[in-house]
Amino acid sequence: MLQILNDLQEALGTQDVIVSVTAKHLCVSSRGIKDQSSYTTTLEYGGQFSDTAIRQEFLNIVSQETL
């Protein structure tokens, strides 16, 4: 995840980048508890998104748009 963040920061020429990845982990769905509906979300951020208030504002906007 950190490599994706770093590459985007370099390509975009800014530290103000946030990356969110939601994925299904095979170890949860195929082994162990075998929960087919579980997903894990991982978040990496830099620049202004290191400020909790700015990050939360962004995440609130994104979650409203996906409803």
N, C-alpha and C. Protein backbone atom coordinates (compact mmCIF):
# COMPACT_ATOMS: atom_id res chain seq x y z
N MET A 1 0.81 -1.19 0.00
CA MET A 1 0.00 0.00 0.00
C MET A 1 0.86 1.26 0.00
N LEU A 2 1.88 1.24 0.81
CA LEU A 2 2.75 2.41 0.91
C LEU A 2 3.43 2.71 -0.42
N GLN A 3 3.78 1.67 -1.16
CA GLN A 3 4.41 1.87 -2.46
C GLN A 3 3.43 2.53 -3.44
N ILE A 4 2.16 2.14 -3.39
CA ILE A 4 1.14 2.77 -4.24
C ILE A 4 1.03 4.25 -3.89
N LEU A 5 0.98 4.56 -2.60
CA LEU A 5 0.91 5.94 -2.15
C LEU A 5 2.12 6.72 -2.65
N ASN A 6 3.32 6.18 -2.45
CA ASN A 6 4.54 6.87 -2.88
C ASN A 6 4.56 7.10 -4.38
N ASP A 7 4.16 6.10 -5.15
CA ASP A 7 4.15 6.23 -6.61
C ASP A 7 3.15 7.29 -7.07
N LEU A 8 1.98 7.32 -6.44
CA LEU A 8 0.98 8.35 -6.79
C LEU A 8 1.47 9.74 -6.42
N GLN A 9 2.08 9.87 -5.26
CA GLN A 9 2.62 11.16 -4.85
C GLN A 9 3.65 11.66 -5.85
N GLU A 10 4.51 10.77 -6.29
CA GLU A 10 5.54 11.15 -7.25
C GLU A 10 4.93 11.50 -8.61
N ALA A 11 4.01 10.67 -9.08
CA ALA A 11 3.39 10.90 -10.39
C ALA A 11 2.55 12.17 -10.42
N LEU A 12 1.87 12.46 -9.31
CA LEU A 12 1.00 13.64 -9.24
C LEU A 12 1.73 14.89 -8.80
N GLY A 13 2.92 14.73 -8.26
CA GLY A 13 3.71 15.87 -7.81
C GLY A 13 3.16 16.54 -6.57
N THR A 14 2.56 15.76 -5.69
CA THR A 14 2.02 16.29 -4.44
C THR A 14 2.07 15.23 -3.36
N GLN A 15 2.20 15.66 -2.12
CA GLN A 15 2.14 14.74 -0.98
C GLN A 15 0.68 14.49 -0.55
N ASP A 16 -0.24 15.33 -1.04
CA ASP A 16 -1.65 15.27 -0.63
C ASP A 16 -2.39 14.17 -1.40
N VAL A 17 -2.15 12.94 -0.98
CA VAL A 17 -2.75 11.78 -1.64
C VAL A 17 -3.31 10.86 -0.57
N ILE A 18 -4.45 10.27 -0.88
CA ILE A 18 -5.04 9.26 0.00
C ILE A 18 -5.40 8.05 -0.86
N VAL A 19 -5.07 6.87 -0.37
CA VAL A 19 -5.32 5.63 -1.08
C VAL A 19 -6.14 4.72 -0.17
N SER A 20 -7.25 4.22 -0.71
CA SER A 20 -8.09 3.29 0.03
C SER A 20 -8.31 2.05 -0.83
N VAL A 21 -8.02 0.89 -0.26
CA VAL A 21 -8.20 -0.36 -0.98
C VAL A 21 -9.08 -1.26 -0.13
N THR A 22 -10.16 -1.75 -0.72
CA THR A 22 -11.04 -2.71 -0.06
C THR A 22 -10.90 -4.03 -0.80
N ALA A 23 -10.61 -5.08 -0.05
CA ALA A 23 -10.36 -6.38 -0.68
C ALA A 23 -10.88 -7.51 0.19
N LYS A 24 -11.10 -8.61 -0.46
CA LYS A 24 -11.48 -9.83 0.23
C LYS A 24 -10.20 -10.62 0.48
N HIS A 25 -9.99 -11.02 1.72
CA HIS A 25 -8.80 -11.78 2.06
C HIS A 25 -9.12 -13.27 1.99
N LEU A 26 -8.37 -13.97 1.16
CA LEU A 26 -8.64 -15.40 0.97
C LEU A 26 -8.46 -16.21 2.25
N CYS A 27 -7.57 -15.77 3.13
CA CYS A 27 -7.38 -16.54 4.38
C CYS A 27 -8.64 -16.51 5.24
N VAL A 28 -9.44 -15.46 5.12
CA VAL A 28 -10.68 -15.38 5.89
C VAL A 28 -11.80 -16.13 5.18
N SER A 29 -11.85 -16.02 3.84
CA SER A 29 -12.97 -16.62 3.11
C SER A 29 -12.78 -18.11 2.82
N SER A 30 -11.53 -18.57 2.73
CA SER A 30 -11.33 -19.98 2.37
C SER A 30 -10.80 -20.85 3.50
N ARG A 31 -10.23 -20.22 4.52
CA ARG A 31 -9.72 -20.97 5.67
C ARG A 31 -10.31 -20.37 6.94
N GLY A 32 -9.95 -20.89 8.04
CA GLY A 32 -10.39 -20.32 9.32
C GLY A 32 -11.90 -20.27 9.45
N ILE A 33 -12.47 -19.08 9.57
CA ILE A 33 -13.90 -18.94 9.82
C ILE A 33 -14.74 -19.07 8.56
N LYS A 34 -14.11 -19.06 7.38
CA LYS A 34 -14.79 -19.23 6.08
C LYS A 34 -15.94 -18.25 5.90
N ASP A 35 -15.69 -17.01 6.20
CA ASP A 35 -16.69 -15.96 6.05
C ASP A 35 -16.58 -15.37 4.65
N GLN A 36 -17.53 -15.66 3.79
CA GLN A 36 -17.51 -15.21 2.40
C GLN A 36 -17.86 -13.73 2.23
N SER A 37 -18.39 -13.10 3.27
CA SER A 37 -18.84 -11.71 3.14
C SER A 37 -17.89 -10.70 3.77
N SER A 38 -16.77 -11.15 4.30
CA SER A 38 -15.82 -10.24 4.97
C SER A 38 -14.90 -9.55 3.98
N TYR A 39 -14.73 -8.26 4.19
CA TYR A 39 -13.80 -7.45 3.42
C TYR A 39 -12.94 -6.66 4.40
N THR A 40 -11.75 -6.31 3.97
CA THR A 40 -10.86 -5.49 4.77
C THR A 40 -10.52 -4.24 3.97
N THR A 41 -10.58 -3.08 4.62
CA THR A 41 -10.22 -1.83 3.98
C THR A 41 -8.92 -1.32 4.60
N THR A 42 -7.97 -0.99 3.74
CA THR A 42 -6.69 -0.45 4.17
C THR A 42 -6.56 0.96 3.64
N LEU A 43 -6.06 1.86 4.47
CA LEU A 43 -5.95 3.27 4.13
C LEU A 43 -4.52 3.75 4.34
N GLU A 44 -3.97 4.43 3.35
CA GLU A 44 -2.66 5.09 3.46
C GLU A 44 -2.87 6.52 3.01
N TYR A 45 -2.20 7.46 3.65
CA TYR A 45 -2.39 8.86 3.30
C TYR A 45 -1.14 9.66 3.62
N GLY A 46 -1.05 10.81 2.98
CA GLY A 46 0.08 11.69 3.22
C GLY A 46 -0.32 13.13 3.02
N GLY A 47 0.61 14.02 3.26
CA GLY A 47 0.37 15.45 3.08
C GLY A 47 -0.72 15.96 4.01
N GLN A 48 -1.63 16.75 3.47
CA GLN A 48 -2.71 17.34 4.27
C GLN A 48 -3.63 16.29 4.87
N PHE A 49 -3.68 15.09 4.27
CA PHE A 49 -4.55 14.05 4.80
C PHE A 49 -4.03 13.46 6.11
N SER A 50 -2.84 13.84 6.53
CA SER A 50 -2.33 13.44 7.84
C SER A 50 -3.09 14.15 8.96
N ASP A 51 -3.73 15.26 8.63
CA ASP A 51 -4.58 15.98 9.58
C ASP A 51 -5.90 15.22 9.69
N THR A 52 -6.23 14.77 10.90
CA THR A 52 -7.40 13.94 11.12
C THR A 52 -8.69 14.60 10.63
N ALA A 53 -8.86 15.88 10.86
CA ALA A 53 -10.09 16.58 10.46
C ALA A 53 -10.23 16.61 8.94
N ILE A 54 -9.16 16.89 8.23
CA ILE A 54 -9.20 16.93 6.76
C ILE A 54 -9.47 15.54 6.20
N ARG A 55 -8.79 14.53 6.76
CA ARG A 55 -8.99 13.16 6.31
C ARG A 55 -10.43 12.73 6.54
N GLN A 56 -10.99 13.04 7.69
CA GLN A 56 -12.36 12.64 8.00
C GLN A 56 -13.35 13.35 7.09
N GLU A 57 -13.11 14.62 6.81
CA GLU A 57 -13.99 15.36 5.89
C GLU A 57 -13.99 14.69 4.51
N PHE A 58 -12.81 14.35 4.02
CA PHE A 58 -12.70 13.68 2.72
C PHE A 58 -13.45 12.34 2.74
N LEU A 59 -13.22 11.53 3.76
CA LEU A 59 -13.86 10.22 3.84
C LEU A 59 -15.38 10.34 3.96
N ASN A 60 -15.86 11.35 4.66
CA ASN A 60 -17.31 11.56 4.74
C ASN A 60 -17.89 11.89 3.37
N ILE A 61 -17.21 12.72 2.61
CA ILE A 61 -17.69 13.09 1.27
C ILE A 61 -17.71 11.87 0.37
N VAL A 62 -16.63 11.08 0.40
CA VAL A 62 -16.56 9.90 -0.44
C VAL A 62 -17.64 8.88 -0.06
N SER A 63 -17.87 8.68 1.22
CA SER A 63 -18.88 7.70 1.63
C SER A 63 -20.28 8.15 1.25
N GLN A 64 -20.56 9.44 1.24
CA GLN A 64 -21.86 9.94 0.82
C GLN A 64 -22.09 9.71 -0.66
N GLU A 65 -21.03 9.86 -1.45
CA GLU A 65 -21.15 9.69 -2.90
C GLU A 65 -21.31 8.23 -3.30
N THR A 66 -20.91 7.31 -2.46
CA THR A 66 -21.01 5.89 -2.82
C THR A 66 -22.30 5.26 -2.32
N LEU A 67 -23.13 6.01 -1.62
CA LEU A 67 -24.40 5.45 -1.12
C LEU A 67 -25.44 5.40 -2.18
